[in-house]
C-alpha cells in the first residue's frame, strides 16, 4: 500500500497577481516533487520567492532566486533562461511537507551597504528577509 500525501497549492494571493500555479497536486512519500510557477510578466529585477503554509501554522520561507538554479537544505529552485517560469523541486517529500505552496515575485532593493534585499510580505521584526 502506498501512502499518499497531498501537497496543496494555489495561485499567489499575496502581493500582485503576476504568478500562475496549478490548483493542487498529490504525491507519494519519498518522491521528488516538481511544483511549476508561470510568471510571464516578470520584471528584470524581480526575485522569485516560494513560501509554504503548513495547516494551522504561519507562512514559512522556502527559497528564492533571480536566475538559473538555487539550492538550500529544503528545496531547489530552477528558473528558465527567459525567467518566465520556474520550478520548485522538493526532494523525497514526506507527510510533513503537506502545505499550501505560494510562488510570488518581489522587487529587489539596494540598501546603503550595497546589499540586494527583498522584503517578504510576511516579514516581521526580528526575522531574516532574504
C-alpha atoms as a PDB file:
ATOM      1  CA  UNK A   1       0.000   0.000   0.000  1.00  0.00           C
ATOM      2  CA  UNK A   2       1.370   3.389  -0.961  1.00  0.00           C
ATOM      3  CA  UNK A   3       0.835   6.193   1.484  1.00  0.00           C
ATOM      4  CA  UNK A   4      -0.363   9.270  -0.341  1.00  0.00           C
ATOM      5  CA  UNK A   5       0.258  12.776   0.802  1.00  0.00           C
ATOM      6  CA  UNK A   6      -1.462  15.806  -0.573  1.00  0.00           C
ATOM      7  CA  UNK A   7       0.610  18.857  -1.425  1.00  0.00           C
ATOM      8  CA  UNK A   8      -1.797  21.740  -1.832  1.00  0.00           C
ATOM      9  CA  UNK A   9      -1.005  24.935  -3.620  1.00  0.00           C
ATOM     10  CA  UNK A  10      -2.977  27.831  -5.019  1.00  0.00           C
ATOM     11  CA  UNK A  11      -2.378  30.902  -7.097  1.00  0.00           C
ATOM     12  CA  UNK A  12      -0.470  33.528  -5.205  1.00  0.00           C
ATOM     13  CA  UNK A  13      -2.933  35.656  -3.270  1.00  0.00           C
ATOM     14  CA  UNK A  14      -0.397  37.973  -1.650  1.00  0.00           C
ATOM     15  CA  UNK A  15       1.059  40.957  -3.491  1.00  0.00           C
ATOM     16  CA  UNK A  16       0.171  41.165  -7.161  1.00  0.00           C
ATOM     17  CA  UNK A  17      -1.406  38.559  -9.444  1.00  0.00           C
ATOM     18  CA  UNK A  18       1.702  38.040 -11.600  1.00  0.00           C
ATOM     19  CA  UNK A  19       2.114  34.337 -10.895  1.00  0.00           C
ATOM     20  CA  UNK A  20       0.026  31.360 -12.001  1.00  0.00           C
ATOM     21  CA  UNK A  21       0.156  27.947 -10.349  1.00  0.00           C
ATOM     22  CA  UNK A  22      -1.931  24.770 -10.671  1.00  0.00           C
ATOM     23  CA  UNK A  23      -4.609  24.363  -8.003  1.00  0.00           C
ATOM     24  CA  UNK A  24      -3.498  21.088  -6.383  1.00  0.00           C
ATOM     25  CA  UNK A  25      -1.070  18.202  -6.588  1.00  0.00           C
ATOM     26  CA  UNK A  26      -0.672  14.802  -4.967  1.00  0.00           C
ATOM     27  CA  UNK A  27       2.399  12.650  -4.485  1.00  0.00           C
ATOM     28  CA  UNK A  28       3.581   9.661  -2.506  1.00  0.00           C
ATOM     29  CA  UNK A  29       6.203   9.806   0.205  1.00  0.00           C
ATOM     30  CA  UNK A  30       9.862   9.696  -0.855  1.00  0.00           C
ATOM     31  CA  UNK A  31       9.057  11.072  -4.330  1.00  0.00           C
ATOM     32  CA  UNK A  32      10.722  14.193  -5.685  1.00  0.00           C
ATOM     33  CA  UNK A  33       8.012  16.764  -6.409  1.00  0.00           C
ATOM     34  CA  UNK A  34       8.241  19.493  -9.078  1.00  0.00           C
ATOM     35  CA  UNK A  35       5.937  22.489  -8.499  1.00  0.00           C
ATOM     36  CA  UNK A  36       5.761  24.802 -11.542  1.00  0.00           C
ATOM     37  CA  UNK A  37       5.062  28.532 -11.488  1.00  0.00           C
ATOM     38  CA  UNK A  38       4.404  30.754 -14.517  1.00  0.00           C
ATOM     39  CA  UNK A  39       5.396  34.433 -14.205  1.00  0.00           C
ATOM     40  CA  UNK A  40       5.445  35.629 -17.816  1.00  0.00           C
ATOM     41  CA  UNK A  41       5.291  39.335 -16.892  1.00  0.00           C
ATOM     42  CA  UNK A  42       8.316  39.239 -14.556  1.00  0.00           C
ATOM     43  CA  UNK A  43      10.477  42.364 -14.418  1.00  0.00           C
ATOM     44  CA  UNK A  44      14.256  42.333 -14.746  1.00  0.00           C
ATOM     45  CA  UNK A  45      14.974  42.917 -11.057  1.00  0.00           C
ATOM     46  CA  UNK A  46      12.143  40.855  -9.546  1.00  0.00           C
ATOM     47  CA  UNK A  47      13.091  37.847  -7.446  1.00  0.00           C
ATOM     48  CA  UNK A  48      11.030  34.647  -7.434  1.00  0.00           C
ATOM     49  CA  UNK A  49      10.094  33.648  -3.889  1.00  0.00           C
ATOM     50  CA  UNK A  50       8.495  30.455  -2.631  1.00  0.00           C
ATOM     51  CA  UNK A  51       6.712  30.163   0.718  1.00  0.00           C
ATOM     52  CA  UNK A  52       4.658  27.392   2.204  1.00  0.00           C
ATOM     53  CA  UNK A  53       1.949  27.343   4.820  1.00  0.00           C
ATOM     54  CA  UNK A  54       1.514  24.144   6.795  1.00  0.00           C
ATOM     55  CA  UNK A  55      -2.024  23.680   8.172  1.00  0.00           C
ATOM     56  CA  UNK A  56      -2.619  25.713  11.364  1.00  0.00           C
ATOM     57  CA  UNK A  57       0.779  27.449  11.117  1.00  0.00           C
ATOM     58  CA  UNK A  58       2.044  30.746   9.758  1.00  0.00           C
ATOM     59  CA  UNK A  59       3.755  31.070   6.359  1.00  0.00           C
ATOM     60  CA  UNK A  60       7.325  29.779   6.095  1.00  0.00           C
ATOM     61  CA  UNK A  61      10.044  30.889   3.665  1.00  0.00           C
ATOM     62  CA  UNK A  62      11.267  28.084   1.374  1.00  0.00           C
ATOM     63  CA  UNK A  63      13.677  29.576  -1.206  1.00  0.00           C
ATOM     64  CA  UNK A  64      14.176  32.488  -3.600  1.00  0.00           C
ATOM     65  CA  UNK A  65      16.238  33.276  -6.681  1.00  0.00           C
ATOM     66  CA  UNK A  66      16.858  35.718  -9.509  1.00  0.00           C
ATOM     67  CA  UNK A  67      18.081  33.425 -12.294  1.00  0.00           C
ATOM     68  CA  UNK A  68      19.357  29.898 -13.033  1.00  0.00           C
ATOM     69  CA  UNK A  69      19.271  27.489 -10.055  1.00  0.00           C
ATOM     70  CA  UNK A  70      19.294  27.994  -6.291  1.00  0.00           C
ATOM     71  CA  UNK A  71      19.512  25.223  -3.699  1.00  0.00           C
ATOM     72  CA  UNK A  72      19.218  25.113   0.080  1.00  0.00           C
ATOM     73  CA  UNK A  73      18.600  22.342   2.613  1.00  0.00           C
ATOM     74  CA  UNK A  74      14.863  22.306   1.963  1.00  0.00           C
ATOM     75  CA  UNK A  75      14.453  22.681  -1.815  1.00  0.00           C
ATOM     76  CA  UNK A  76      15.868  23.701  -5.181  1.00  0.00           C
ATOM     77  CA  UNK A  77      14.556  26.429  -7.459  1.00  0.00           C
ATOM     78  CA  UNK A  78      15.141  26.163 -11.202  1.00  0.00           C
ATOM     79  CA  UNK A  79      14.460  29.306 -13.253  1.00  0.00           C
ATOM     80  CA  UNK A  80      14.235  29.227 -17.052  1.00  0.00           C
ATOM     81  CA  UNK A  81      16.682  31.349 -19.064  1.00  0.00           C
ATOM     82  CA  UNK A  82      13.934  33.803 -20.087  1.00  0.00           C
ATOM     83  CA  UNK A  83      12.756  33.910 -16.405  1.00  0.00           C
ATOM     84  CA  UNK A  84       9.118  33.475 -17.473  1.00  0.00           C
ATOM     85  CA  UNK A  85       8.675  30.283 -15.447  1.00  0.00           C
ATOM     86  CA  UNK A  86      10.298  28.396 -12.618  1.00  0.00           C
ATOM     87  CA  UNK A  87      10.035  25.105 -10.770  1.00  0.00           C
ATOM     88  CA  UNK A  88      10.314  24.434  -7.060  1.00  0.00           C
ATOM     89  CA  UNK A  89      11.848  20.991  -6.516  1.00  0.00           C
ATOM     90  CA  UNK A  90      11.169  19.219  -3.223  1.00  0.00           C
ATOM     91  CA  UNK A  91      13.331  16.085  -2.842  1.00  0.00           C
ATOM     92  CA  UNK A  92      11.908  12.996  -1.136  1.00  0.00           C
ATOM     93  CA  UNK A  93       8.771  14.562   0.306  1.00  0.00           C
ATOM     94  CA  UNK A  94       7.150  13.302   3.492  1.00  0.00           C
ATOM     95  CA  UNK A  95       3.786  13.950   5.099  1.00  0.00           C
ATOM     96  CA  UNK A  96       5.443  16.861   6.927  1.00  0.00           C
ATOM     97  CA  UNK A  97       5.747  18.651   3.559  1.00  0.00           C
ATOM     98  CA  UNK A  98       1.959  18.830   3.171  1.00  0.00           C
ATOM     99  CA  UNK A  99       1.205  22.548   2.820  1.00  0.00           C
ATOM    100  CA  UNK A 100      -0.098  25.301   0.594  1.00  0.00           C
ATOM    101  CA  UNK A 101       2.866  26.451  -1.532  1.00  0.00           C
ATOM    102  CA  UNK A 102       2.970  30.048  -2.780  1.00  0.00           C
ATOM    103  CA  UNK A 103       5.083  31.399  -5.630  1.00  0.00           C
ATOM    104  CA  UNK A 104       5.427  35.186  -5.777  1.00  0.00           C
ATOM    105  CA  UNK A 105       7.551  37.938  -7.273  1.00  0.00           C
ATOM    106  CA  UNK A 106       9.312  40.554  -5.176  1.00  0.00           C
ATOM    107  CA  UNK A 107      11.191  43.621  -6.412  1.00  0.00           C
ATOM    108  CA  UNK A 108      14.834  43.847  -5.321  1.00  0.00           C
ATOM    109  CA  UNK A 109      16.070  46.925  -3.451  1.00  0.00           C
ATOM    110  CA  UNK A 110      19.593  48.105  -2.675  1.00  0.00           C
ATOM    111  CA  UNK A 111      20.484  49.148   0.847  1.00  0.00           C
ATOM    112  CA  UNK A 112      23.230  51.627   1.751  1.00  0.00           C
ATOM    113  CA  UNK A 113      25.821  48.837   2.050  1.00  0.00           C
ATOM    114  CA  UNK A 114      25.189  47.596  -1.499  1.00  0.00           C
ATOM    115  CA  UNK A 115      23.221  44.535  -0.415  1.00  0.00           C
ATOM    116  CA  UNK A 116      20.324  43.362  -2.556  1.00  0.00           C
ATOM    117  CA  UNK A 117      17.319  42.971  -0.290  1.00  0.00           C
ATOM    118  CA  UNK A 118      13.738  41.944  -0.925  1.00  0.00           C
ATOM    119  CA  UNK A 119      11.197  42.202   1.852  1.00  0.00           C
ATOM    120  CA  UNK A 120       8.711  39.400   2.155  1.00  0.00           C
ATOM    121  CA  UNK A 121       5.031  40.271   2.526  1.00  0.00           C
ATOM    122  CA  UNK A 122       5.186  38.086   5.658  1.00  0.00           C
ATOM    123  CA  UNK A 123       8.310  39.747   7.032  1.00  0.00           C
ATOM    124  CA  UNK A 124       8.149  40.541  10.713  1.00  0.00           C
ATOM    125  CA  UNK A 125      10.522  42.283  13.085  1.00  0.00           C
ATOM    126  CA  UNK A 126      13.378  40.032  14.095  1.00  0.00           C
ATOM    127  CA  UNK A 127      13.203  37.715  11.084  1.00  0.00           C
ATOM    128  CA  UNK A 128      15.520  37.476   8.101  1.00  0.00           C
ATOM    129  CA  UNK A 129      14.048  38.833   4.869  1.00  0.00           C
ATOM    130  CA  UNK A 130      16.347  37.307   2.268  1.00  0.00           C
END
